[in-house]
N, C-alpha and C. Protein backbone atom coordinates (compact mmCIF):
# COMPACT_ATOMS: atom_id res chain seq x y z
N MET A 1 -20.63 9.01 -8.61
CA MET A 1 -20.19 9.44 -9.92
C MET A 1 -20.21 10.96 -10.02
N CYS A 2 -19.21 11.48 -10.63
CA CYS A 2 -19.15 12.92 -10.85
C CYS A 2 -19.94 13.26 -12.09
N SER A 3 -20.73 14.29 -11.99
CA SER A 3 -21.48 14.74 -13.16
C SER A 3 -20.73 15.82 -13.91
N SER A 4 -19.54 16.14 -13.43
CA SER A 4 -18.74 17.21 -13.98
C SER A 4 -18.36 16.93 -15.44
N GLN A 5 -18.36 17.98 -16.23
CA GLN A 5 -17.96 17.87 -17.62
C GLN A 5 -16.47 18.11 -17.73
N VAL A 6 -15.81 17.30 -18.50
CA VAL A 6 -14.38 17.44 -18.74
C VAL A 6 -14.21 18.08 -20.10
N THR A 7 -13.35 19.07 -20.20
CA THR A 7 -13.09 19.76 -21.45
C THR A 7 -11.93 19.09 -22.16
N TYR A 8 -12.07 18.84 -23.44
CA TYR A 8 -11.01 18.23 -24.23
C TYR A 8 -10.37 19.30 -25.09
N LEU A 9 -9.07 19.46 -24.91
CA LEU A 9 -8.32 20.43 -25.68
C LEU A 9 -7.16 19.73 -26.36
N PRO A 10 -6.78 20.18 -27.55
CA PRO A 10 -5.61 19.56 -28.18
C PRO A 10 -4.35 19.96 -27.43
N TYR A 11 -3.49 18.99 -27.19
CA TYR A 11 -2.20 19.27 -26.57
C TYR A 11 -1.18 19.27 -27.69
N ILE A 12 -0.59 20.39 -27.91
CA ILE A 12 0.33 20.53 -29.04
C ILE A 12 1.74 20.70 -28.51
N GLN A 13 2.59 19.79 -28.91
CA GLN A 13 4.00 19.86 -28.57
C GLN A 13 4.70 20.39 -29.82
N PRO A 14 5.72 21.22 -29.66
CA PRO A 14 6.37 21.79 -30.85
C PRO A 14 6.72 20.73 -31.88
N GLY A 15 6.16 20.89 -33.07
CA GLY A 15 6.45 19.99 -34.17
C GLY A 15 5.67 18.68 -34.16
N VAL A 16 4.86 18.44 -33.13
CA VAL A 16 4.14 17.18 -33.04
C VAL A 16 2.70 17.46 -32.62
N MET A 17 1.73 16.93 -33.34
CA MET A 17 0.33 17.06 -32.94
C MET A 17 -0.05 15.79 -32.20
N GLN A 18 -0.45 15.92 -30.97
CA GLN A 18 -0.81 14.77 -30.15
C GLN A 18 -2.32 14.62 -30.14
N SER A 19 -2.77 13.47 -29.64
CA SER A 19 -4.20 13.23 -29.55
C SER A 19 -4.82 14.17 -28.53
N LEU A 20 -6.13 14.21 -28.50
CA LEU A 20 -6.81 15.09 -27.57
C LEU A 20 -6.52 14.66 -26.14
N LEU A 21 -6.30 15.63 -25.29
CA LEU A 21 -5.94 15.40 -23.90
C LEU A 21 -7.00 16.05 -23.02
N PRO A 22 -7.69 15.27 -22.20
CA PRO A 22 -8.72 15.87 -21.36
C PRO A 22 -8.10 16.72 -20.26
N LEU A 23 -8.64 17.90 -20.06
CA LEU A 23 -8.13 18.83 -19.06
C LEU A 23 -9.24 19.26 -18.11
N ALA A 24 -8.93 19.33 -16.84
CA ALA A 24 -9.83 19.90 -15.85
C ALA A 24 -9.40 21.36 -15.64
N PRO A 25 -10.20 22.13 -14.94
CA PRO A 25 -9.82 23.53 -14.72
C PRO A 25 -8.51 23.65 -13.95
N ARG A 26 -7.91 24.81 -14.02
CA ARG A 26 -6.67 25.09 -13.28
C ARG A 26 -7.05 25.55 -11.88
N TYR A 27 -6.37 24.98 -10.89
CA TYR A 27 -6.63 25.30 -9.49
C TYR A 27 -5.45 26.08 -8.92
N THR A 28 -5.76 27.15 -8.18
CA THR A 28 -4.73 27.92 -7.49
C THR A 28 -5.18 28.14 -6.05
N LEU A 29 -4.23 28.39 -5.17
CA LEU A 29 -4.55 28.56 -3.75
C LEU A 29 -5.40 29.80 -3.49
N ASP A 30 -5.35 30.78 -4.39
CA ASP A 30 -6.12 32.01 -4.16
C ASP A 30 -7.42 32.05 -4.96
N ASP A 31 -7.91 30.88 -5.41
CA ASP A 31 -9.19 30.83 -6.11
C ASP A 31 -10.31 31.34 -5.22
N GLU A 32 -11.30 31.96 -5.83
CA GLU A 32 -12.46 32.44 -5.08
C GLU A 32 -13.33 31.28 -4.61
N SER A 33 -13.47 30.25 -5.43
CA SER A 33 -14.29 29.11 -5.02
C SER A 33 -13.43 28.14 -4.22
N PRO A 34 -13.94 27.65 -3.12
CA PRO A 34 -13.16 26.71 -2.30
C PRO A 34 -13.15 25.32 -2.92
N TRP A 35 -12.10 24.97 -3.61
CA TRP A 35 -11.99 23.68 -4.28
C TRP A 35 -11.26 22.65 -3.44
N LEU A 36 -10.35 23.09 -2.59
CA LEU A 36 -9.56 22.16 -1.78
C LEU A 36 -10.35 21.73 -0.56
N LEU A 37 -10.64 20.43 -0.48
CA LEU A 37 -11.37 19.90 0.68
C LEU A 37 -10.43 19.66 1.84
N GLY A 38 -9.21 19.23 1.55
CA GLY A 38 -8.23 18.99 2.59
C GLY A 38 -7.16 18.02 2.15
N ILE A 39 -6.25 17.76 3.07
CA ILE A 39 -5.16 16.81 2.83
C ILE A 39 -5.17 15.85 4.01
N ASP A 40 -5.39 14.57 3.72
CA ASP A 40 -5.56 13.60 4.80
C ASP A 40 -4.21 13.16 5.39
N PRO A 41 -4.22 12.34 6.44
CA PRO A 41 -2.96 11.97 7.11
C PRO A 41 -1.93 11.27 6.23
N VAL A 42 -2.35 10.60 5.16
CA VAL A 42 -1.37 9.97 4.27
C VAL A 42 -1.06 10.84 3.06
N ARG A 43 -1.37 12.10 3.19
CA ARG A 43 -1.03 13.16 2.22
C ARG A 43 -1.76 13.05 0.90
N ARG A 44 -2.96 12.48 0.88
CA ARG A 44 -3.78 12.53 -0.34
C ARG A 44 -4.41 13.91 -0.40
N TYR A 45 -4.39 14.51 -1.60
CA TYR A 45 -4.93 15.84 -1.82
C TYR A 45 -6.37 15.70 -2.30
N TRP A 46 -7.33 16.09 -1.46
CA TRP A 46 -8.75 15.95 -1.77
C TRP A 46 -9.29 17.28 -2.27
N PHE A 47 -9.95 17.25 -3.43
CA PHE A 47 -10.56 18.48 -3.92
C PHE A 47 -11.80 18.20 -4.75
N LYS A 48 -12.60 19.26 -4.89
CA LYS A 48 -13.84 19.19 -5.66
C LYS A 48 -13.54 19.57 -7.10
N ILE A 49 -13.98 18.75 -8.01
CA ILE A 49 -13.81 19.03 -9.43
C ILE A 49 -14.79 20.13 -9.82
N ASN A 50 -14.27 21.16 -10.44
CA ASN A 50 -15.09 22.31 -10.87
C ASN A 50 -15.87 22.92 -9.71
N GLY A 51 -15.44 22.68 -8.49
CA GLY A 51 -16.13 23.23 -7.32
C GLY A 51 -17.43 22.54 -6.99
N GLU A 52 -17.73 21.41 -7.63
CA GLU A 52 -18.98 20.70 -7.40
C GLU A 52 -18.91 19.87 -6.12
N GLU A 53 -19.90 20.01 -5.26
CA GLU A 53 -19.93 19.31 -3.98
C GLU A 53 -19.97 17.79 -4.16
N ASP A 54 -20.68 17.31 -5.18
CA ASP A 54 -20.85 15.87 -5.34
C ASP A 54 -19.75 15.21 -6.19
N CYS A 55 -18.71 15.93 -6.47
CA CYS A 55 -17.66 15.40 -7.33
C CYS A 55 -16.30 15.69 -6.71
N ALA A 56 -15.88 14.81 -5.81
CA ALA A 56 -14.59 14.98 -5.13
C ALA A 56 -13.67 13.82 -5.49
N ILE A 57 -12.39 14.13 -5.63
CA ILE A 57 -11.40 13.09 -5.88
C ILE A 57 -10.22 13.29 -4.94
N ALA A 58 -9.39 12.27 -4.85
CA ALA A 58 -8.17 12.34 -4.07
C ALA A 58 -6.99 11.98 -4.95
N ILE A 59 -5.98 12.82 -4.94
CA ILE A 59 -4.75 12.55 -5.67
C ILE A 59 -3.72 12.10 -4.64
N PRO A 60 -3.08 10.94 -4.86
CA PRO A 60 -2.07 10.50 -3.89
C PRO A 60 -0.92 11.50 -3.84
N GLY A 61 -0.51 11.85 -2.62
CA GLY A 61 0.52 12.86 -2.43
C GLY A 61 1.87 12.29 -2.09
N LEU A 62 2.86 13.13 -2.17
CA LEU A 62 4.24 12.76 -1.89
C LEU A 62 4.37 12.21 -0.47
N SER A 63 5.08 11.12 -0.35
CA SER A 63 5.36 10.52 0.96
C SER A 63 6.87 10.33 1.06
N THR A 64 7.46 10.84 2.14
CA THR A 64 8.91 10.72 2.33
C THR A 64 9.21 10.14 3.70
N VAL A 65 10.40 9.61 3.82
CA VAL A 65 10.81 9.02 5.10
C VAL A 65 11.74 9.95 5.87
N SER A 66 12.23 11.00 5.22
CA SER A 66 13.15 11.91 5.90
C SER A 66 13.08 13.30 5.28
N PHE A 67 13.62 14.24 6.01
CA PHE A 67 13.67 15.61 5.52
C PHE A 67 14.57 15.71 4.29
N GLU A 68 15.63 14.91 4.23
CA GLU A 68 16.54 14.93 3.08
C GLU A 68 15.83 14.48 1.81
N VAL A 69 14.99 13.47 1.91
CA VAL A 69 14.24 12.99 0.74
C VAL A 69 13.26 14.07 0.29
N LEU A 70 12.64 14.76 1.24
CA LEU A 70 11.73 15.86 0.91
C LEU A 70 12.48 16.97 0.19
N LYS A 71 13.64 17.35 0.69
CA LYS A 71 14.43 18.41 0.05
C LYS A 71 14.79 18.04 -1.38
N GLU A 72 15.15 16.78 -1.60
CA GLU A 72 15.50 16.33 -2.95
C GLU A 72 14.28 16.38 -3.87
N ALA A 73 13.11 16.00 -3.36
CA ALA A 73 11.88 16.06 -4.16
C ALA A 73 11.55 17.51 -4.53
N ILE A 74 11.69 18.43 -3.58
CA ILE A 74 11.42 19.85 -3.85
C ILE A 74 12.42 20.39 -4.87
N ARG A 75 13.69 20.03 -4.72
CA ARG A 75 14.71 20.46 -5.70
C ARG A 75 14.36 19.95 -7.10
N SER A 76 13.97 18.69 -7.18
CA SER A 76 13.61 18.11 -8.47
C SER A 76 12.42 18.83 -9.08
N PHE A 77 11.43 19.17 -8.25
CA PHE A 77 10.26 19.90 -8.73
C PHE A 77 10.66 21.28 -9.24
N ARG A 78 11.45 22.00 -8.46
CA ARG A 78 11.82 23.37 -8.82
C ARG A 78 12.68 23.45 -10.08
N THR A 79 13.42 22.40 -10.38
CA THR A 79 14.28 22.41 -11.57
C THR A 79 13.68 21.65 -12.74
N LEU A 80 12.44 21.23 -12.61
CA LEU A 80 11.77 20.48 -13.68
C LEU A 80 11.62 21.37 -14.91
N PRO A 81 12.19 20.98 -16.05
CA PRO A 81 12.06 21.81 -17.25
C PRO A 81 10.66 21.68 -17.87
N VAL A 82 10.29 22.70 -18.62
CA VAL A 82 9.01 22.68 -19.33
C VAL A 82 9.00 21.47 -20.26
N GLY A 83 7.90 20.72 -20.24
CA GLY A 83 7.75 19.53 -21.07
C GLY A 83 8.20 18.26 -20.39
N ALA A 84 8.78 18.37 -19.18
CA ALA A 84 9.28 17.18 -18.48
C ALA A 84 8.27 16.69 -17.45
N THR A 85 8.51 15.46 -16.98
CA THR A 85 7.64 14.80 -16.02
C THR A 85 8.46 14.39 -14.80
N LEU A 86 7.87 14.55 -13.63
CA LEU A 86 8.49 14.13 -12.38
C LEU A 86 7.57 13.11 -11.72
N THR A 87 8.13 11.97 -11.33
CA THR A 87 7.35 10.93 -10.66
C THR A 87 7.91 10.75 -9.26
N LEU A 88 7.02 10.83 -8.27
CA LEU A 88 7.42 10.78 -6.87
C LEU A 88 6.69 9.67 -6.12
N PRO A 89 7.30 9.17 -5.04
CA PRO A 89 6.66 8.10 -4.26
C PRO A 89 5.49 8.63 -3.42
N THR A 90 4.52 7.75 -3.17
CA THR A 90 3.38 8.10 -2.32
C THR A 90 3.23 7.02 -1.25
N PHE A 91 2.26 7.20 -0.39
CA PHE A 91 1.99 6.24 0.67
C PHE A 91 1.43 4.93 0.10
N THR A 92 0.81 5.01 -1.07
CA THR A 92 0.21 3.85 -1.72
C THR A 92 1.13 3.32 -2.81
N THR A 93 0.66 2.35 -3.55
CA THR A 93 1.44 1.82 -4.67
C THR A 93 1.40 2.76 -5.87
N GLU A 94 0.45 3.68 -5.89
CA GLU A 94 0.39 4.68 -6.96
C GLU A 94 1.56 5.64 -6.81
N ARG A 95 1.89 6.31 -7.88
CA ARG A 95 2.93 7.33 -7.86
C ARG A 95 2.28 8.69 -8.13
N LEU A 96 2.92 9.73 -7.62
CA LEU A 96 2.49 11.10 -7.92
C LEU A 96 3.28 11.54 -9.14
N THR A 97 2.58 11.80 -10.23
CA THR A 97 3.21 12.22 -11.47
C THR A 97 2.86 13.67 -11.73
N ILE A 98 3.88 14.47 -11.93
CA ILE A 98 3.70 15.90 -12.18
C ILE A 98 4.30 16.22 -13.54
N HIS A 99 3.51 16.83 -14.41
CA HIS A 99 3.97 17.25 -15.73
C HIS A 99 4.08 18.78 -15.71
N ARG A 100 5.21 19.29 -16.16
CA ARG A 100 5.34 20.75 -16.29
C ARG A 100 5.00 21.11 -17.72
N LEU A 101 3.86 21.77 -17.87
CA LEU A 101 3.38 22.09 -19.22
C LEU A 101 3.92 23.41 -19.74
N ALA A 102 4.09 24.39 -18.83
CA ALA A 102 4.57 25.72 -19.19
C ALA A 102 5.04 26.40 -17.91
N ASN A 103 5.53 27.62 -18.06
CA ASN A 103 5.91 28.35 -16.86
C ASN A 103 4.66 28.52 -15.98
N ASN A 104 4.77 28.12 -14.74
CA ASN A 104 3.69 28.24 -13.76
C ASN A 104 2.43 27.45 -14.13
N LEU A 105 2.60 26.36 -14.86
CA LEU A 105 1.47 25.49 -15.20
C LEU A 105 1.90 24.03 -15.12
N TYR A 106 1.28 23.31 -14.20
CA TYR A 106 1.62 21.90 -13.95
C TYR A 106 0.35 21.07 -14.05
N ALA A 107 0.50 19.84 -14.49
CA ALA A 107 -0.64 18.93 -14.60
C ALA A 107 -0.35 17.68 -13.77
N ILE A 108 -1.38 17.22 -13.05
CA ILE A 108 -1.30 15.96 -12.32
C ILE A 108 -2.43 15.09 -12.84
N PRO A 109 -2.11 13.96 -13.47
CA PRO A 109 -3.17 13.10 -14.00
C PRO A 109 -3.88 12.33 -12.89
N GLN A 110 -5.18 12.31 -12.96
CA GLN A 110 -6.02 11.52 -12.05
C GLN A 110 -7.37 11.37 -12.75
N PRO A 111 -7.82 10.13 -12.97
CA PRO A 111 -9.06 9.93 -13.73
C PRO A 111 -10.31 10.45 -13.00
N ILE A 112 -11.30 10.81 -13.80
CA ILE A 112 -12.63 11.15 -13.31
C ILE A 112 -13.58 10.21 -14.04
N ASN A 113 -14.34 9.42 -13.29
CA ASN A 113 -15.27 8.45 -13.88
C ASN A 113 -14.61 7.58 -14.93
N GLY A 114 -13.37 7.20 -14.69
CA GLY A 114 -12.66 6.32 -15.61
C GLY A 114 -12.02 7.03 -16.79
N ALA A 115 -12.27 8.31 -16.96
CA ALA A 115 -11.69 9.06 -18.08
C ALA A 115 -10.37 9.69 -17.64
N SER A 116 -9.33 9.53 -18.46
CA SER A 116 -8.05 10.15 -18.16
C SER A 116 -8.22 11.65 -18.12
N THR A 117 -7.77 12.26 -17.04
CA THR A 117 -7.93 13.70 -16.87
C THR A 117 -6.68 14.28 -16.25
N TRP A 118 -6.23 15.41 -16.76
CA TRP A 118 -5.11 16.12 -16.18
C TRP A 118 -5.67 17.32 -15.43
N HIS A 119 -5.34 17.42 -14.16
CA HIS A 119 -5.77 18.53 -13.32
C HIS A 119 -4.64 19.56 -13.29
N LEU A 120 -4.98 20.79 -13.59
CA LEU A 120 -3.97 21.83 -13.76
C LEU A 120 -3.82 22.67 -12.49
N PHE A 121 -2.57 22.95 -12.14
CA PHE A 121 -2.25 23.71 -10.94
C PHE A 121 -1.14 24.70 -11.26
N ASP A 122 -1.06 25.75 -10.44
CA ASP A 122 0.07 26.65 -10.55
C ASP A 122 1.21 26.12 -9.68
N ARG A 123 2.37 26.72 -9.80
CA ARG A 123 3.56 26.27 -9.07
C ARG A 123 3.36 26.32 -7.56
N GLU A 124 2.81 27.41 -7.07
CA GLU A 124 2.63 27.58 -5.62
C GLU A 124 1.75 26.48 -5.03
N THR A 125 0.71 26.08 -5.74
CA THR A 125 -0.19 25.04 -5.25
C THR A 125 0.52 23.70 -5.18
N VAL A 126 1.21 23.32 -6.25
CA VAL A 126 1.91 22.03 -6.25
C VAL A 126 2.99 22.01 -5.18
N GLU A 127 3.73 23.09 -5.05
CA GLU A 127 4.78 23.13 -4.04
C GLU A 127 4.18 23.04 -2.63
N SER A 128 3.04 23.67 -2.40
CA SER A 128 2.37 23.56 -1.11
C SER A 128 1.95 22.12 -0.83
N PHE A 129 1.44 21.44 -1.85
CA PHE A 129 1.10 20.02 -1.70
C PHE A 129 2.34 19.22 -1.30
N LEU A 130 3.45 19.44 -2.00
CA LEU A 130 4.66 18.67 -1.74
C LEU A 130 5.19 18.92 -0.33
N LEU A 131 5.05 20.14 0.16
CA LEU A 131 5.57 20.47 1.49
C LEU A 131 4.83 19.73 2.60
N THR A 132 3.65 19.20 2.31
CA THR A 132 2.94 18.42 3.34
C THR A 132 3.63 17.08 3.60
N ALA A 133 4.62 16.73 2.79
CA ALA A 133 5.38 15.50 3.00
C ALA A 133 6.44 15.66 4.10
N HIS A 134 6.58 16.87 4.63
CA HIS A 134 7.55 17.09 5.71
C HIS A 134 7.22 16.14 6.86
N PRO A 135 8.24 15.49 7.44
CA PRO A 135 7.99 14.51 8.50
C PRO A 135 7.21 15.07 9.70
N ASP A 136 7.30 16.36 9.96
CA ASP A 136 6.60 16.95 11.10
C ASP A 136 5.20 17.48 10.77
N TRP A 137 4.81 17.42 9.49
CA TRP A 137 3.52 17.96 9.08
C TRP A 137 2.39 17.12 9.66
N GLN A 138 1.33 17.79 10.11
CA GLN A 138 0.14 17.11 10.58
C GLN A 138 -1.07 17.71 9.89
N CYS A 139 -1.99 16.85 9.50
CA CYS A 139 -3.18 17.35 8.81
C CYS A 139 -4.10 18.03 9.81
N ALA A 140 -5.00 18.84 9.29
CA ALA A 140 -6.00 19.49 10.13
C ALA A 140 -6.93 18.43 10.72
N SER A 141 -7.43 18.68 11.89
CA SER A 141 -8.26 17.67 12.56
C SER A 141 -9.48 17.27 11.72
N GLN A 142 -10.08 18.21 11.01
CA GLN A 142 -11.24 17.86 10.18
C GLN A 142 -10.87 17.02 8.97
N ASP A 143 -9.59 17.04 8.56
CA ASP A 143 -9.15 16.28 7.39
C ASP A 143 -8.91 14.81 7.70
N ILE A 144 -8.84 14.45 8.97
CA ILE A 144 -8.70 13.04 9.34
C ILE A 144 -9.89 12.25 8.81
N ALA A 145 -11.07 12.87 8.82
CA ALA A 145 -12.28 12.21 8.33
C ALA A 145 -12.18 11.85 6.85
N LEU A 146 -11.44 12.64 6.06
CA LEU A 146 -11.28 12.33 4.64
C LEU A 146 -10.61 10.97 4.46
N GLY A 147 -9.55 10.72 5.20
CA GLY A 147 -8.87 9.43 5.12
C GLY A 147 -9.73 8.31 5.65
N ARG A 148 -10.45 8.57 6.72
CA ARG A 148 -11.32 7.55 7.31
C ARG A 148 -12.42 7.17 6.32
N ASP A 149 -13.00 8.15 5.65
CA ASP A 149 -14.05 7.88 4.66
C ASP A 149 -13.51 7.02 3.51
N ALA A 150 -12.28 7.28 3.07
CA ALA A 150 -11.69 6.49 1.99
C ALA A 150 -11.51 5.04 2.40
N ILE A 151 -11.10 4.83 3.64
CA ILE A 151 -10.94 3.46 4.14
C ILE A 151 -12.30 2.76 4.22
N LEU A 152 -13.30 3.45 4.73
CA LEU A 152 -14.64 2.86 4.82
C LEU A 152 -15.18 2.50 3.45
N GLN A 153 -14.96 3.37 2.47
CA GLN A 153 -15.43 3.08 1.11
C GLN A 153 -14.71 1.87 0.53
N SER A 154 -13.42 1.72 0.82
CA SER A 154 -12.68 0.57 0.27
C SER A 154 -13.17 -0.73 0.89
N TRP A 155 -13.62 -0.70 2.14
CA TRP A 155 -14.14 -1.90 2.77
C TRP A 155 -15.48 -2.32 2.19
N GLU A 156 -16.19 -1.37 1.58
CA GLU A 156 -17.48 -1.67 0.96
C GLU A 156 -17.32 -2.33 -0.39
N GLN A 157 -16.11 -2.28 -0.97
CA GLN A 157 -15.86 -2.85 -2.28
C GLN A 157 -15.57 -4.35 -2.14
N PRO A 158 -16.05 -5.17 -3.07
CA PRO A 158 -15.73 -6.60 -3.01
C PRO A 158 -14.24 -6.81 -3.23
N SER A 159 -13.66 -7.74 -2.51
CA SER A 159 -12.22 -8.00 -2.64
C SER A 159 -11.91 -8.95 -3.80
N VAL A 160 -12.92 -9.71 -4.25
CA VAL A 160 -12.75 -10.63 -5.37
C VAL A 160 -13.86 -10.35 -6.39
N ALA A 161 -13.45 -10.24 -7.63
CA ALA A 161 -14.45 -9.95 -8.67
C ALA A 161 -15.04 -11.21 -9.21
C-alpha cells in the first residue's frame, strides 16, 4: 500500500463546476528527484508516486503492431486539443487514456490504493513514453525485472474470489 497523500483540487471547466478530482504531482523528465523507475518489455511505465520508494505504480503503455500505427498515435497525441481525451491500445486489456488539460499539461488516470488519481505530465514526458511503442524499442536490461515482478505478484493473487 502506498502511504502517499493525494491532493484534491477542483477541476473547473469553463462554465461548469465539476466534482473534486484527485491529482498527483506533475512529472517531467528533467525533475531533480528520480521518479521514473523504468519501462518494462510490455511498455508499462513504472514510477514512484511523490518520489516515495515504497509507493510505485505501473501505467499501461501504448502497444503497436507497426511503425504506421505508432505514427498515427503520435499524430493523434500532437493534435489533441485542450480539454480532449485520447485513448490508445496497450498490451493488456486496459487502455492508455491521456487527457490534455492545458498547454503542456497532460493527465493519465491510474488509481492509487483504489482512489481515482490523475498523474500529471508535460508533453515531452508523454511523448517519450509513447515513443517506446516503436517496434524496434527495447527496454533497459534492469527494467526486465519490473515486468517479471509484476507477473510474480499476479501469480500470488487468488484466481477465484
